[in-house]
Amino acid sequence: VQLVESGGGLVQAGGSLRLSCAASGRTLDDYGMGWFRQGPGKEREFVAAIGWTTGTTFFASAVKGGVAISGDNAELTVYLQMKNLKPEDTAVYYCAAAPGGSSWWTGLAYEFDDWGRGTQVQVTV
């Protein structure tokens, strides 16, 4: 699966952004699609994931309530809607795909086989 993220940019604290991840190469049936982020000087961390077939969602505790994840099967695109952004949300956000049979709901990066190149989000005070 090829993944291309978009929608990042510069936003003031308290603002909102919607990131998009366009997938291609195959259908996403039974896949888990996830978003991760890596802030400056930080480890990559899980943000949210969605089961493409079931629509089941999982969120990192650090972002719960501030993000929503959704998918559009017709467009093969997964979205990450973020609100009330804080400077600590500044990071490169990556989209990732985990095949059926993986434990994608754990949010563990090694469960995801395919990754996009990321989109930069910068939140200013």
PDB file of N, CA and C in Angstrom:
ATOM      1  N   VAL A   1       0.846  -1.186   0.000  1.00  0.00           N
ATOM      2  CA  VAL A   1       0.000   0.000   0.000  1.00  0.00           C
ATOM      3  C   VAL A   1       0.885   1.241   0.000  1.00  0.00           C
ATOM      4  N   GLN A   2       0.591   2.129  -0.946  1.00  0.00           N
ATOM      5  CA  GLN A   2       1.313   3.399  -0.979  1.00  0.00           C
ATOM      6  C   GLN A   2       0.450   4.449  -0.270  1.00  0.00           C
ATOM      7  N   LEU A   3       1.107   5.261   0.543  1.00  0.00           N
ATOM      8  CA  LEU A   3       0.391   6.224   1.363  1.00  0.00           C
ATOM      9  C   LEU A   3       0.989   7.609   1.179  1.00  0.00           C
ATOM     10  N   VAL A   4       0.136   8.603   0.984  1.00  0.00           N
ATOM     11  CA  VAL A   4       0.599   9.977   0.833  1.00  0.00           C
ATOM     12  C   VAL A   4      -0.235  10.869   1.741  1.00  0.00           C
ATOM     13  N   GLU A   5       0.452  11.507   2.683  1.00  0.00           N
ATOM     14  CA  GLU A   5      -0.222  12.404   3.618  1.00  0.00           C
ATOM     15  C   GLU A   5      -0.266  13.826   3.074  1.00  0.00           C
ATOM     16  N   SER A   6      -1.258  14.565   3.527  1.00  0.00           N
ATOM     17  CA  SER A   6      -1.364  15.984   3.192  1.00  0.00           C
ATOM     18  C   SER A   6      -2.177  16.680   4.277  1.00  0.00           C
ATOM     19  N   GLY A   7      -2.176  18.004   4.239  1.00  0.00           N
ATOM     20  CA  GLY A   7      -3.016  18.761   5.159  1.00  0.00           C
ATOM     21  C   GLY A   7      -2.279  19.392   6.317  1.00  0.00           C
ATOM     22  N   GLY A   8      -0.987  19.103   6.444  1.00  0.00           N
ATOM     23  CA  GLY A   8      -0.241  19.719   7.520  1.00  0.00           C
ATOM     24  C   GLY A   8       0.007  21.192   7.247  1.00  0.00           C
ATOM     25  N   GLY A   9       0.558  21.869   8.228  1.00  0.00           N
ATOM     26  CA  GLY A   9       0.853  23.280   8.066  1.00  0.00           C
ATOM     27  C   GLY A   9       1.057  23.974   9.386  1.00  0.00           C
ATOM     28  N   LEU A  10       1.024  25.279   9.316  1.00  0.00           N
ATOM     29  CA  LEU A  10       1.220  26.137  10.486  1.00  0.00           C
ATOM     30  C   LEU A  10      -0.150  26.549  11.020  1.00  0.00           C
ATOM     31  N   VAL A  11      -0.347  26.380  12.320  1.00  0.00           N
ATOM     32  CA  VAL A  11      -1.637  26.721  12.917  1.00  0.00           C
ATOM     33  C   VAL A  11      -1.393  27.304  14.305  1.00  0.00           C
ATOM     34  N   GLN A  12      -2.220  28.213  14.691  1.00  0.00           N
ATOM     35  CA  GLN A  12      -2.102  28.806  16.028  1.00  0.00           C
ATOM     36  C   GLN A  12      -2.690  27.859  17.075  1.00  0.00           C
ATOM     37  N   ALA A  13      -2.168  27.965  18.268  1.00  0.00           N
ATOM     38  CA  ALA A  13      -2.698  27.174  19.378  1.00  0.00           C
ATOM     39  C   ALA A  13      -4.200  27.418  19.510  1.00  0.00           C
ATOM     40  N   GLY A  14      -4.924  26.329  19.719  1.00  0.00           N
ATOM     41  CA  GLY A  14      -6.376  26.411  19.795  1.00  0.00           C
ATOM     42  C   GLY A  14      -7.057  26.151  18.471  1.00  0.00           C
ATOM     43  N   GLY A  15      -6.276  26.123  17.414  1.00  0.00           N
ATOM     44  CA  GLY A  15      -6.837  25.910  16.092  1.00  0.00           C
ATOM     45  C   GLY A  15      -7.063  24.448  15.770  1.00  0.00           C
ATOM     46  N   SER A  16      -7.507  24.208  14.537  1.00  0.00           N
ATOM     47  CA  SER A  16      -7.829  22.859  14.077  1.00  0.00           C
ATOM     48  C   SER A  16      -7.147  22.577  12.746  1.00  0.00           C
ATOM     49  N   LEU A  17      -6.954  21.303  12.491  1.00  0.00           N
ATOM     50  CA  LEU A  17      -6.415  20.857  11.207  1.00  0.00           C
ATOM     51  C   LEU A  17      -7.027  19.515  10.872  1.00  0.00           C
ATOM     52  N   ARG A  18      -7.174  19.243   9.584  1.00  0.00           N
ATOM     53  CA  ARG A  18      -7.557  17.916   9.155  1.00  0.00           C
ATOM     54  C   ARG A  18      -6.479  17.374   8.229  1.00  0.00           C
ATOM     55  N   LEU A  19      -5.877  16.292   8.640  1.00  0.00           N
ATOM     56  CA  LEU A  19      -4.868  15.630   7.834  1.00  0.00           C
ATOM     57  C   LEU A  19      -5.542  14.549   6.988  1.00  0.00           C
ATOM     58  N   SER A  20      -5.002  14.362   5.796  1.00  0.00           N
ATOM     59  CA  SER A  20      -5.512  13.332   4.896  1.00  0.00           C
ATOM     60  C   SER A  20      -4.400  12.366   4.543  1.00  0.00           C
ATOM     61  N   CYS A  21      -4.778  11.134   4.285  1.00  0.00           N
ATOM     62  CA  CYS A  21      -3.826  10.114   3.858  1.00  0.00           C
ATOM     63  C   CYS A  21      -4.472   9.347   2.714  1.00  0.00           C
ATOM     64  N   ALA A  22      -3.957   9.543   1.518  1.00  0.00           N
ATOM     65  CA  ALA A  22      -4.482   8.861   0.349  1.00  0.00           C
ATOM     66  C   ALA A  22      -3.726   7.558   0.148  1.00  0.00           C
ATOM     67  N   ALA A  23      -4.477   6.472   0.065  1.00  0.00           N
ATOM     68  CA  ALA A  23      -3.898   5.148  -0.117  1.00  0.00           C
ATOM     69  C   ALA A  23      -4.107   4.675  -1.546  1.00  0.00           C
ATOM     70  N   SER A  24      -3.181   3.878  -2.029  1.00  0.00           N
ATOM     71  CA  SER A  24      -3.309   3.292  -3.358  1.00  0.00           C
ATOM     72  C   SER A  24      -2.559   1.973  -3.392  1.00  0.00           C
ATOM     73  N   GLY A  25      -2.847   1.206  -4.404  1.00  0.00           N
ATOM     74  CA  GLY A  25      -2.124  -0.037  -4.591  1.00  0.00           C
ATOM     75  C   GLY A  25      -2.944  -1.283  -4.329  1.00  0.00           C
ATOM     76  N   ARG A  26      -3.943  -1.164  -3.475  1.00  0.00           N
ATOM     77  CA  ARG A  26      -4.817  -2.294  -3.192  1.00  0.00           C
ATOM     78  C   ARG A  26      -5.994  -1.772  -2.375  1.00  0.00           C
ATOM     79  N   THR A  27      -6.964  -2.636  -2.166  1.00  0.00           N
ATOM     80  CA  THR A  27      -8.073  -2.262  -1.291  1.00  0.00           C
ATOM     81  C   THR A  27      -7.589  -2.318   0.155  1.00  0.00           C
ATOM     82  N   LEU A  28      -8.358  -1.733   1.029  1.00  0.00           N
ATOM     83  CA  LEU A  28      -7.975  -1.698   2.438  1.00  0.00           C
ATOM     84  C   LEU A  28      -8.838  -2.618   3.288  1.00  0.00           C
ATOM     85  N   ASP A  29      -9.504  -3.555   2.638  1.00  0.00           N
ATOM     86  CA  ASP A  29     -10.349  -4.492   3.372  1.00  0.00           C
ATOM     87  C   ASP A  29      -9.533  -5.205   4.451  1.00  0.00           C
ATOM     88  N   ASP A  30     -10.065  -5.188   5.668  1.00  0.00           N
ATOM     89  CA  ASP A  30      -9.449  -5.826   6.833  1.00  0.00           C
ATOM     90  C   ASP A  30      -8.178  -5.136   7.320  1.00  0.00           C
ATOM     91  N   TYR A  31      -7.824  -4.033   6.715  1.00  0.00           N
ATOM     92  CA  TYR A  31      -6.647  -3.299   7.164  1.00  0.00           C
ATOM     93  C   TYR A  31      -6.968  -2.457   8.398  1.00  0.00           C
ATOM     94  N   GLY A  32      -5.933  -2.186   9.149  1.00  0.00           N
ATOM     95  CA  GLY A  32      -5.982  -1.162  10.178  1.00  0.00           C
ATOM     96  C   GLY A  32      -5.162   0.019   9.676  1.00  0.00           C
ATOM     97  N   MET A  33      -5.739   1.197   9.732  1.00  0.00           N
ATOM     98  CA  MET A  33      -5.047   2.397   9.273  1.00  0.00           C
ATOM     99  C   MET A  33      -4.769   3.272  10.483  1.00  0.00           C
ATOM    100  N   GLY A  34      -3.532   3.708  10.582  1.00  0.00           N
ATOM    101  CA  GLY A  34      -3.155   4.453  11.769  1.00  0.00           C
ATOM    102  C   GLY A  34      -2.459   5.761  11.466  1.00  0.00           C
ATOM    103  N   TRP A  35      -2.445   6.612  12.473  1.00  0.00           N
ATOM    104  CA  TRP A  35      -1.670   7.844  12.446  1.00  0.00           C
ATOM    105  C   TRP A  35      -0.685   7.819  13.610  1.00  0.00           C
ATOM    106  N   PHE A  36       0.525   8.194  13.313  1.00  0.00           N
ATOM    107  CA  PHE A  36       1.576   8.335  14.305  1.00  0.00           C
ATOM    108  C   PHE A  36       2.159   9.732  14.162  1.00  0.00           C
ATOM    109  N   ARG A  37       2.914  10.144  15.151  1.00  0.00           N
ATOM    110  CA  ARG A  37       3.600  11.427  15.041  1.00  0.00           C
ATOM    111  C   ARG A  37       4.955  11.358  15.719  1.00  0.00           C
ATOM    112  N   GLN A  38       5.843  12.226  15.258  1.00  0.00           N
ATOM    113  CA  GLN A  38       7.165  12.323  15.875  1.00  0.00           C
ATOM    114  C   GLN A  38       7.507  13.792  16.023  1.00  0.00           C
ATOM    115  N   GLY A  39       7.534  14.247  17.257  1.00  0.00           N
ATOM    116  CA  GLY A  39       7.891  15.621  17.547  1.00  0.00           C
ATOM    117  C   GLY A  39       9.386  15.806  17.575  1.00  0.00           C
ATOM    118  N   PRO A  40       9.868  17.047  17.536  1.00  0.00           N
ATOM    119  CA  PRO A  40      11.316  17.309  17.548  1.00  0.00           C
ATOM    120  C   PRO A  40      11.961  16.738  18.792  1.00  0.00           C
ATOM    121  N   GLY A  41      12.951  15.895  18.585  1.00  0.00           N
ATOM    122  CA  GLY A  41      13.668  15.297  19.701  1.00  0.00           C
ATOM    123  C   GLY A  41      12.899  14.222  20.442  1.00  0.00           C
ATOM    124  N   LYS A  42      11.805  13.773  19.858  1.00  0.00           N
ATOM    125  CA  LYS A  42      10.981  12.778  20.543  1.00  0.00           C
ATOM    126  C   LYS A  42      10.908  11.481  19.738  1.00  0.00           C
ATOM    127  N   GLU A  43      10.484  10.427  20.432  1.00  0.00           N
ATOM    128  CA  GLU A  43      10.236   9.158  19.766  1.00  0.00           C
ATOM    129  C   GLU A  43       8.918   9.240  18.988  1.00  0.00           C
ATOM    130  N   ARG A  44       8.820   8.412  17.977  1.00  0.00           N
ATOM    131  CA  ARG A  44       7.550   8.307  17.261  1.00  0.00           C
ATOM    132  C   ARG A  44       6.498   7.718  18.197  1.00  0.00           C
ATOM    133  N   GLU A  45       5.295   8.278  18.154  1.00  0.00           N
ATOM    134  CA  GLU A  45       4.245   7.790  19.039  1.00  0.00           C
ATOM    135  C   GLU A  45       2.940   7.601  18.286  1.00  0.00           C
ATOM    136  N   PHE A  46       2.170   6.673  18.772  1.00  0.00           N
ATOM    137  CA  PHE A  46       0.867   6.367  18.208  1.00  0.00           C
ATOM    138  C   PHE A  46      -0.118   7.480  18.531  1.00  0.00           C
ATOM    139  N   VAL A  47      -0.981   7.800  17.547  1.00  0.00           N
ATOM    140  CA  VAL A  47      -2.010   8.809  17.764  1.00  0.00           C
ATOM    141  C   VAL A  47      -3.406   8.187  17.718  1.00  0.00           C
ATOM    142  N   ALA A  48      -3.699   7.508  16.623  1.00  0.00           N
ATOM    143  CA  ALA A  48      -5.043   6.947  16.457  1.00  0.00           C
ATOM    144  C   ALA A  48      -5.019   5.892  15.363  1.00  0.00           C
ATOM    145  N   ALA A  49      -6.001   5.010  15.396  1.00  0.00           N
ATOM    146  CA  ALA A  49      -6.117   3.984  14.357  1.00  0.00           C
ATOM    147  C   ALA A  49      -7.579   3.631  14.145  1.00  0.00           C
ATOM    148  N   ILE A  50      -7.857   3.107  12.962  1.00  0.00           N
ATOM    149  CA  ILE A  50      -9.218   2.714  12.621  1.00  0.00           C
ATOM    150  C   ILE A  50      -9.181   1.410  11.846  1.00  0.00           C
ATOM    151  N   GLY A  51     -10.095   0.508  12.178  1.00  0.00           N
ATOM    152  CA  GLY A  51     -10.262  -0.708  11.413  1.00  0.00           C
ATOM    153  C   GLY A  51     -11.075  -0.381  10.175  1.00  0.00           C
ATOM    154  N   TRP A  52     -10.504  -0.618   9.023  1.00  0.00           N
ATOM    155  CA  TRP A  52     -11.143  -0.141   7.797  1.00  0.00           C
ATOM    156  C   TRP A  52     -12.491  -0.792   7.558  1.00  0.00           C
ATOM    157  N   THR A  53     -12.616  -2.063   7.861  1.00  0.00           N
ATOM    158  CA  THR A  53     -13.860  -2.778   7.610  1.00  0.00           C
ATOM    159  C   THR A  53     -14.887  -2.553   8.722  1.00  0.00           C
ATOM    160  N   THR A  54     -14.434  -2.548   9.942  1.00  0.00           N
ATOM    161  CA  THR A  54     -15.351  -2.436  11.086  1.00  0.00           C
ATOM    162  C   THR A  54     -15.625  -0.998  11.499  1.00  0.00           C
ATOM    163  N   GLY A  55     -14.698  -0.106  11.206  1.00  0.00           N
ATOM    164  CA  GLY A  55     -14.829   1.273  11.665  1.00  0.00           C
ATOM    165  C   GLY A  55     -14.460   1.471  13.122  1.00  0.00           C
ATOM    166  N   THR A  56     -13.985   0.423  13.761  1.00  0.00           N
ATOM    167  CA  THR A  56     -13.566   0.530  15.157  1.00  0.00           C
ATOM    168  C   THR A  56     -12.372   1.461  15.271  1.00  0.00           C
ATOM    169  N   THR A  57     -12.388   2.315  16.285  1.00  0.00           N
ATOM    170  CA  THR A  57     -11.313   3.285  16.441  1.00  0.00           C
ATOM    171  C   THR A  57     -10.618   3.150  17.787  1.00  0.00           C
ATOM    172  N   PHE A  58      -9.352   3.509  17.799  1.00  0.00           N
ATOM    173  CA  PHE A  58      -8.545   3.510  19.007  1.00  0.00           C
ATOM    174  C   PHE A  58      -7.720   4.794  19.021  1.00  0.00           C
ATOM    175  N   PHE A  59      -7.536   5.336  20.224  1.00  0.00           N
ATOM    176  CA  PHE A  59      -6.812   6.594  20.362  1.00  0.00           C
ATOM    177  C   PHE A  59      -5.795   6.486  21.481  1.00  0.00           C
ATOM    178  N   ALA A  60      -4.683   7.187  21.289  1.00  0.00           N
ATOM    179  CA  ALA A  60      -3.730   7.312  22.386  1.00  0.00           C
ATOM    180  C   ALA A  60      -4.364   8.157  23.477  1.00  0.00           C
ATOM    181  N   SER A  61      -4.074   7.823  24.709  1.00  0.00           N
ATOM    182  CA  SER A  61      -4.674   8.558  25.824  1.00  0.00           C
ATOM    183  C   SER A  61      -4.292  10.028  25.802  1.00  0.00           C
ATOM    184  N   ALA A  62      -3.111  10.321  25.272  1.00  0.00           N
ATOM    185  CA  ALA A  62      -2.638  11.708  25.261  1.00  0.00           C
ATOM    186  C   ALA A  62      -3.451  12.612  24.345  1.00  0.00           C
ATOM    187  N   VAL A  63      -4.145  12.023  23.368  1.00  0.00           N
ATOM    188  CA  VAL A  63      -4.881  12.832  22.393  1.00  0.00           C
ATOM    189  C   VAL A  63      -6.384  12.616  22.444  1.00  0.00           C
ATOM    190  N   LYS A  64      -6.826  11.659  23.252  1.00  0.00           N
ATOM    191  CA  LYS A  64      -8.237  11.314  23.278  1.00  0.00           C
ATOM    192  C   LYS A  64      -9.064  12.552  23.594  1.00  0.00           C
ATOM    193  N   GLY A  65     -10.101  12.745  22.809  1.00  0.00           N
ATOM    194  CA  GLY A  65     -10.966  13.902  22.973  1.00  0.00           C
ATOM    195  C   GLY A  65     -10.578  15.061  22.077  1.00  0.00           C
ATOM    196  N   GLY A  66      -9.359  15.022  21.557  1.00  0.00           N
ATOM    197  CA  GLY A  66      -8.915  16.119  20.713  1.00  0.00           C
ATOM    198  C   GLY A  66      -8.757  15.752  19.253  1.00  0.00           C
ATOM    199  N   VAL A  67      -8.915  14.460  18.958  1.00  0.00           N
ATOM    200  CA  VAL A  67      -8.773  14.006  17.583  1.00  0.00           C
ATOM    201  C   VAL A  67      -9.905  13.048  17.231  1.00  0.00           C
ATOM    202  N   ALA A  68     -10.138  12.975  15.922  1.00  0.00           N
ATOM    203  CA  ALA A  68     -11.075  11.997  15.393  1.00  0.00           C
ATOM    204  C   ALA A  68     -10.437  11.391  14.153  1.00  0.00           C
ATOM    205  N   ILE A  69     -10.660  10.111  13.950  1.00  0.00           N
ATOM    206  CA  ILE A  69     -10.128   9.430  12.782  1.00  0.00           C
ATOM    207  C   ILE A  69     -11.292   8.836  12.011  1.00  0.00           C
ATOM    208  N   SER A  70     -11.209   8.932  10.700  1.00  0.00           N
ATOM    209  CA  SER A  70     -12.283   8.408   9.862  1.00  0.00           C
ATOM    210  C   SER A  70     -11.703   7.989   8.519  1.00  0.00           C
ATOM    211  N   GLY A  71     -12.484   7.232   7.785  1.00  0.00           N
ATOM    212  CA  GLY A  71     -12.040   6.767   6.489  1.00  0.00           C
ATOM    213  C   GLY A  71     -13.122   6.889   5.437  1.00  0.00           C
ATOM    214  N   ASP A  72     -12.709   7.087   4.229  1.00  0.00           N
ATOM    215  CA  ASP A  72     -13.617   7.161   3.081  1.00  0.00           C
ATOM    216  C   ASP A  72     -13.217   6.050   2.122  1.00  0.00           C
ATOM    217  N   ASN A  73     -14.016   4.999   2.062  1.00  0.00           N
ATOM    218  CA  ASN A  73     -13.648   3.850   1.252  1.00  0.00           C
ATOM    219  C   ASN A  73     -13.687   4.159  -0.235  1.00  0.00           C
ATOM    220  N   ALA A  74     -14.580   5.043  -0.643  1.00  0.00           N
ATOM    221  CA  ALA A  74     -14.659   5.398  -2.062  1.00  0.00           C
ATOM    222  C   ALA A  74     -13.397   6.118  -2.517  1.00  0.00           C
ATOM    223  N   GLU A  75     -12.836   6.914  -1.615  1.00  0.00           N
ATOM    224  CA  GLU A  75     -11.631   7.684  -1.944  1.00  0.00           C
ATOM    225  C   GLU A  75     -10.356   7.001  -1.448  1.00  0.00           C
ATOM    226  N   LEU A  76     -10.518   5.899  -0.699  1.00  0.00           N
ATOM    227  CA  LEU A  76      -9.365   5.233  -0.073  1.00  0.00           C
ATOM    228  C   LEU A  76      -8.506   6.249   0.670  1.00  0.00           C
ATOM    229  N   THR A  77      -9.158   7.049   1.459  1.00  0.00           N
ATOM    230  CA  THR A  77      -8.477   8.100   2.196  1.00  0.00           C
ATOM    231  C   THR A  77      -8.860   8.019   3.670  1.00  0.00           C
ATOM    232  N   VAL A  78      -7.872   8.156   4.501  1.00  0.00           N
ATOM    233  CA  VAL A  78      -8.119   8.188   5.943  1.00  0.00           C
ATOM    234  C   VAL A  78      -7.793   9.587   6.445  1.00  0.00           C
ATOM    235  N   TYR A  79      -8.613  10.073   7.359  1.00  0.00           N
ATOM    236  CA  TYR A  79      -8.504  11.438   7.853  1.00  0.00           C
ATOM    237  C   TYR A  79      -8.191  11.448   9.341  1.00  0.00           C
ATOM    238  N   LEU A  80      -7.465  12.472   9.739  1.00  0.00           N
ATOM    239  CA  LEU A  80      -7.245  12.725  11.161  1.00  0.00           C
ATOM    240  C   LEU A  80      -7.655  14.165  11.412  1.00  0.00           C
ATOM    241  N   GLN A  81      -8.749  14.336  12.104  1.00  0.00           N
ATOM    242  CA  GLN A  81      -9.238  15.665  12.441  1.00  0.00           C
ATOM    243  C   GLN A  81      -8.729  16.016  13.831  1.00  0.00           C
ATOM    244  N   MET A  82      -8.031  17.135  13.934  1.00  0.00           N
ATOM    245  CA  MET A  82      -7.467  17.546  15.215  1.00  0.00           C
ATOM    246  C   MET A  82      -8.029  18.916  15.593  1.00  0.00           C
ATOM    247  N   LYS A  83      -8.398  19.077  16.839  1.00  0.00           N
ATOM    248  CA  LYS A  83      -8.924  20.357  17.311  1.00  0.00           C
ATOM    249  C   LYS A  83      -8.194  20.767  18.584  1.00  0.00           C
ATOM    250  N   ASN A  84      -8.360  22.055  18.917  1.00  0.00           N
ATOM    251  CA  ASN A  84      -7.733  22.596  20.117  1.00  0.00           C
ATOM    252  C   ASN A  84      -6.242  22.236  20.188  1.00  0.00           C
ATOM    253  N   LEU A  85      -5.566  22.489  19.106  1.00  0.00           N
ATOM    254  CA  LEU A  85      -4.157  22.110  19.015  1.00  0.00           C
ATOM    255  C   LEU A  85      -3.304  22.908  19.983  1.00  0.00           C
ATOM    256  N   LYS A  86      -2.259  22.244  20.475  1.00  0.00           N
ATOM    257  CA  LYS A  86      -1.315  22.853  21.413  1.00  0.00           C
ATOM    258  C   LYS A  86       0.085  22.808  20.810  1.00  0.00           C
ATOM    259  N   PRO A  87       0.979  23.659  21.286  1.00  0.00           N
ATOM    260  CA  PRO A  87       2.350  23.619  20.756  1.00  0.00           C
ATOM    261  C   PRO A  87       2.984  22.235  20.863  1.00  0.00           C
ATOM    262  N   GLU A  88       2.636  21.464  21.878  1.00  0.00           N
ATOM    263  CA  GLU A  88       3.217  20.132  22.021  1.00  0.00           C
ATOM    264  C   GLU A  88       2.683  19.143  20.982  1.00  0.00           C
ATOM    265  N   ASP A  89       1.694  19.550  20.198  1.00  0.00           N
ATOM    266  CA  ASP A  89       1.230  18.721  19.092  1.00  0.00           C
ATOM    267  C   ASP A  89       2.092  18.906  17.840  1.00  0.00           C
ATOM    268  N   THR A  90       3.039  19.814  17.906  1.00  0.00           N
ATOM    269  CA  THR A  90       3.957  20.019  16.785  1.00  0.00           C
ATOM    270  C   THR A  90       4.740  18.743  16.516  1.00  0.00           C
ATOM    271  N   ALA A  91       4.668  18.265  15.283  1.00  0.00           N
ATOM    272  CA  ALA A  91       5.295  16.988  14.942  1.00  0.00           C
ATOM    273  C   ALA A  91       5.136  16.739  13.454  1.00  0.00           C
ATOM    274  N   VAL A  92       5.867  15.759  12.976  1.00  0.00           N
ATOM    275  CA  VAL A  92       5.588  15.192  11.669  1.00  0.00           C
ATOM    276  C   VAL A  92       4.591  14.066  11.899  1.00  0.00           C
ATOM    277  N   TYR A  93       3.497  14.112  11.166  1.00  0.00           N
ATOM    278  CA  TYR A  93       2.438  13.123  11.313  1.00  0.00           C
ATOM    279  C   TYR A  93       2.521  12.131  10.161  1.00  0.00           C
ATOM    280  N   TYR A  94       2.545  10.869  10.522  1.00  0.00           N
ATOM    281  CA  TYR A  94       2.684   9.792   9.557  1.00  0.00           C
ATOM    282  C   TYR A  94       1.425   8.935   9.514  1.00  0.00           C
ATOM    283  N   CYS A  95       1.074   8.533   8.325  1.00  0.00           N
ATOM    284  CA  CYS A  95       0.001   7.576   8.108  1.00  0.00           C
ATOM    285  C   CYS A  95       0.643   6.204   7.911  1.00  0.00           C
ATOM    286  N   ALA A  96      -0.030   5.175   8.401  1.00  0.00           N
ATOM    287  CA  ALA A  96       0.515   3.827   8.294  1.00  0.00           C
ATOM    288  C   ALA A  96      -0.606   2.820   8.094  1.00  0.00           C
ATOM    289  N   ALA A  97      -0.265   1.712   7.444  1.00  0.00           N
ATOM    290  CA  ALA A  97      -1.240   0.665   7.139  1.00  0.00           C
ATOM    291  C   ALA A  97      -0.778  -0.671   7.693  1.00  0.00           C
ATOM    292  N   ALA A  98      -1.694  -1.337   8.366  1.00  0.00           N
ATOM    293  CA  ALA A  98      -1.418  -2.662   8.925  1.00  0.00           C
ATOM    294  C   ALA A  98      -2.357  -3.671   8.290  1.00  0.00           C
ATOM    295  N   PRO A  99      -1.843  -4.775   7.785  1.00  0.00           N
ATOM    296  CA  PRO A  99      -2.697  -5.746   7.088  1.00  0.00           C
ATOM    297  C   PRO A  99      -3.591  -6.506   8.043  1.00  0.00           C
ATOM    298  N   GLY A 100      -4.620  -7.120   7.480  1.00  0.00           N
ATOM    299  CA  GLY A 100      -5.465  -7.987   8.260  1.00  0.00           C
ATOM    300  C   GLY A 100      -4.640  -9.074   8.917  1.00  0.00           C
ATOM    301  N   GLY A 101      -5.007  -9.434  10.129  1.00  0.00           N
ATOM    302  CA  GLY A 101      -4.251 -10.436  10.858  1.00  0.00           C
ATOM    303  C   GLY A 101      -3.232  -9.836  11.795  1.00  0.00           C
ATOM    304  N   SER A 102      -2.940  -8.569  11.614  1.00  0.00           N
ATOM    305  CA  SER A 102      -2.020  -7.890  12.537  1.00  0.00           C
ATOM    306  C   SER A 102      -2.790  -7.405  13.760  1.00  0.00           C
ATOM    307  N   SER A 103      -2.042  -7.036  14.758  1.00  0.00           N
ATOM    308  CA  SER A 103      -2.658  -6.479  15.976  1.00  0.00           C
ATOM    309  C   SER A 103      -2.572  -4.964  15.931  1.00  0.00           C
ATOM    310  N   TRP A 104      -3.142  -4.380  14.883  1.00  0.00           N
ATOM    311  CA  TRP A 104      -3.000  -2.942  14.656  1.00  0.00           C
ATOM    312  C   TRP A 104      -3.608  -2.119  15.784  1.00  0.00           C
ATOM    313  N   TRP A 105      -4.606  -2.657  16.477  1.00  0.00           N
ATOM    314  CA  TRP A 105      -5.288  -1.872  17.510  1.00  0.00           C
ATOM    315  C   TRP A 105      -4.391  -1.604  18.716  1.00  0.00           C
ATOM    316  N   THR A 106      -3.283  -2.307  18.783  1.00  0.00           N
ATOM    317  CA  THR A 106      -2.345  -2.040  19.873  1.00  0.00           C
ATOM    318  C   THR A 106      -1.627  -0.706  19.696  1.00  0.00           C
ATOM    319  N   GLY A 107      -1.606  -0.219  18.443  1.00  0.00           N
ATOM    320  CA  GLY A 107      -0.887   1.019  18.185  1.00  0.00           C
ATOM    321  C   GLY A 107       0.622   0.859  18.155  1.00  0.00           C
ATOM    322  N   LEU A 108       1.066  -0.369  18.125  1.00  0.00           N
ATOM    323  CA  LEU A 108       2.504  -0.620  18.065  1.00  0.00           C
ATOM    324  C   LEU A 108       2.984  -0.456  16.631  1.00  0.00           C
ATOM    325  N   ALA A 109       4.018   0.334  16.453  1.00  0.00           N
ATOM    326  CA  ALA A 109       4.474   0.701  15.115  1.00  0.00           C
ATOM    327  C   ALA A 109       4.854  -0.518  14.279  1.00  0.00           C
ATOM    328  N   TYR A 110       5.410  -1.544  14.917  1.00  0.00           N
ATOM    329  CA  TYR A 110       5.869  -2.693  14.129  1.00  0.00           C
ATOM    330  C   TYR A 110       4.726  -3.520  13.548  1.00  0.00           C
ATOM    331  N   GLU A 111       3.501  -3.250  13.979  1.00  0.00           N
ATOM    332  CA  GLU A 111       2.353  -3.932  13.396  1.00  0.00           C
ATOM    333  C   GLU A 111       1.983  -3.334  12.032  1.00  0.00           C
ATOM    334  N   PHE A 112       2.520  -2.179  11.712  1.00  0.00           N
ATOM    335  CA  PHE A 112       2.175  -1.457  10.488  1.00  0.00           C
ATOM    336  C   PHE A 112       3.286  -1.643   9.467  1.00  0.00           C
ATOM    337  N   ASP A 113       2.915  -2.162   8.303  1.00  0.00           N
ATOM    338  CA  ASP A 113       3.904  -2.506   7.290  1.00  0.00           C
ATOM    339  C   ASP A 113       4.257  -1.346   6.361  1.00  0.00           C
ATOM    340  N   ASP A 114       3.295  -0.511   6.071  1.00  0.00           N
ATOM    341  CA  ASP A 114       3.492   0.526   5.061  1.00  0.00           C
ATOM    342  C   ASP A 114       3.316   1.902   5.700  1.00  0.00           C
ATOM    343  N   TRP A 115       4.187   2.822   5.297  1.00  0.00           N
ATOM    344  CA  TRP A 115       4.215   4.149   5.898  1.00  0.00           C
ATOM    345  C   TRP A 115       4.293   5.223   4.822  1.00  0.00           C
ATOM    346  N   GLY A 116       3.650   6.343   5.103  1.00  0.00           N
ATOM    347  CA  GLY A 116       3.827   7.505   4.259  1.00  0.00           C
ATOM    348  C   GLY A 116       5.063   8.277   4.669  1.00  0.00           C
ATOM    349  N   ARG A 117       5.341   9.365   3.965  1.00  0.00           N
ATOM    350  CA  ARG A 117       6.523  10.170   4.254  1.00  0.00           C
ATOM    351  C   ARG A 117       6.272  11.222   5.316  1.00  0.00           C
ATOM    352  N   GLY A 118       5.025  11.426   5.648  1.00  0.00           N
ATOM    353  CA  GLY A 118       4.698  12.349   6.710  1.00  0.00           C
ATOM    354  C   GLY A 118       4.308  13.733   6.236  1.00  0.00           C
ATOM    355  N   THR A 119       3.597  14.435   7.097  1.00  0.00           N
ATOM    356  CA  THR A 119       3.234  15.829   6.850  1.00  0.00           C
ATOM    357  C   THR A 119       3.495  16.615   8.131  1.00  0.00           C
ATOM    358  N   GLN A 120       4.128  17.776   7.985  1.00  0.00           N
ATOM    359  CA  GLN A 120       4.544  18.555   9.146  1.00  0.00           C
ATOM    360  C   GLN A 120       3.384  19.384   9.688  1.00  0.00           C
ATOM    361  N   VAL A 121       3.195  19.312  10.981  1.00  0.00           N
ATOM    362  CA  VAL A 121       2.243  20.173  11.678  1.00  0.00           C
ATOM    363  C   VAL A 121       3.021  21.005  12.683  1.00  0.00           C
ATOM    364  N   GLN A 122       2.867  22.315  12.611  1.00  0.00           N
ATOM    365  CA  GLN A 122       3.521  23.191  13.570  1.00  0.00           C
ATOM    366  C   GLN A 122       2.473  24.072  14.226  1.00  0.00           C
ATOM    367  N   VAL A 123       2.436  24.022  15.531  1.00  0.00           N
ATOM    368  CA  VAL A 123       1.459  24.788  16.302  1.00  0.00           C
ATOM    369  C   VAL A 123       2.189  25.899  17.039  1.00  0.00           C
ATOM    370  N   THR A 124       1.792  27.121  16.749  1.00  0.00           N
ATOM    371  CA  THR A 124       2.460  28.277  17.357  1.00  0.00           C
ATOM    372  C   THR A 124       1.619  28.833  18.499  1.00  0.00           C
ATOM    373  N   VAL A 125       2.326  29.495  19.408  1.00  0.00           N
ATOM    374  CA  VAL A 125       1.645  30.096  20.561  1.00  0.00           C
ATOM    375  C   VAL A 125       0.870  31.323  20.118  1.00  0.00           C
TER     376      VAL A 125
END
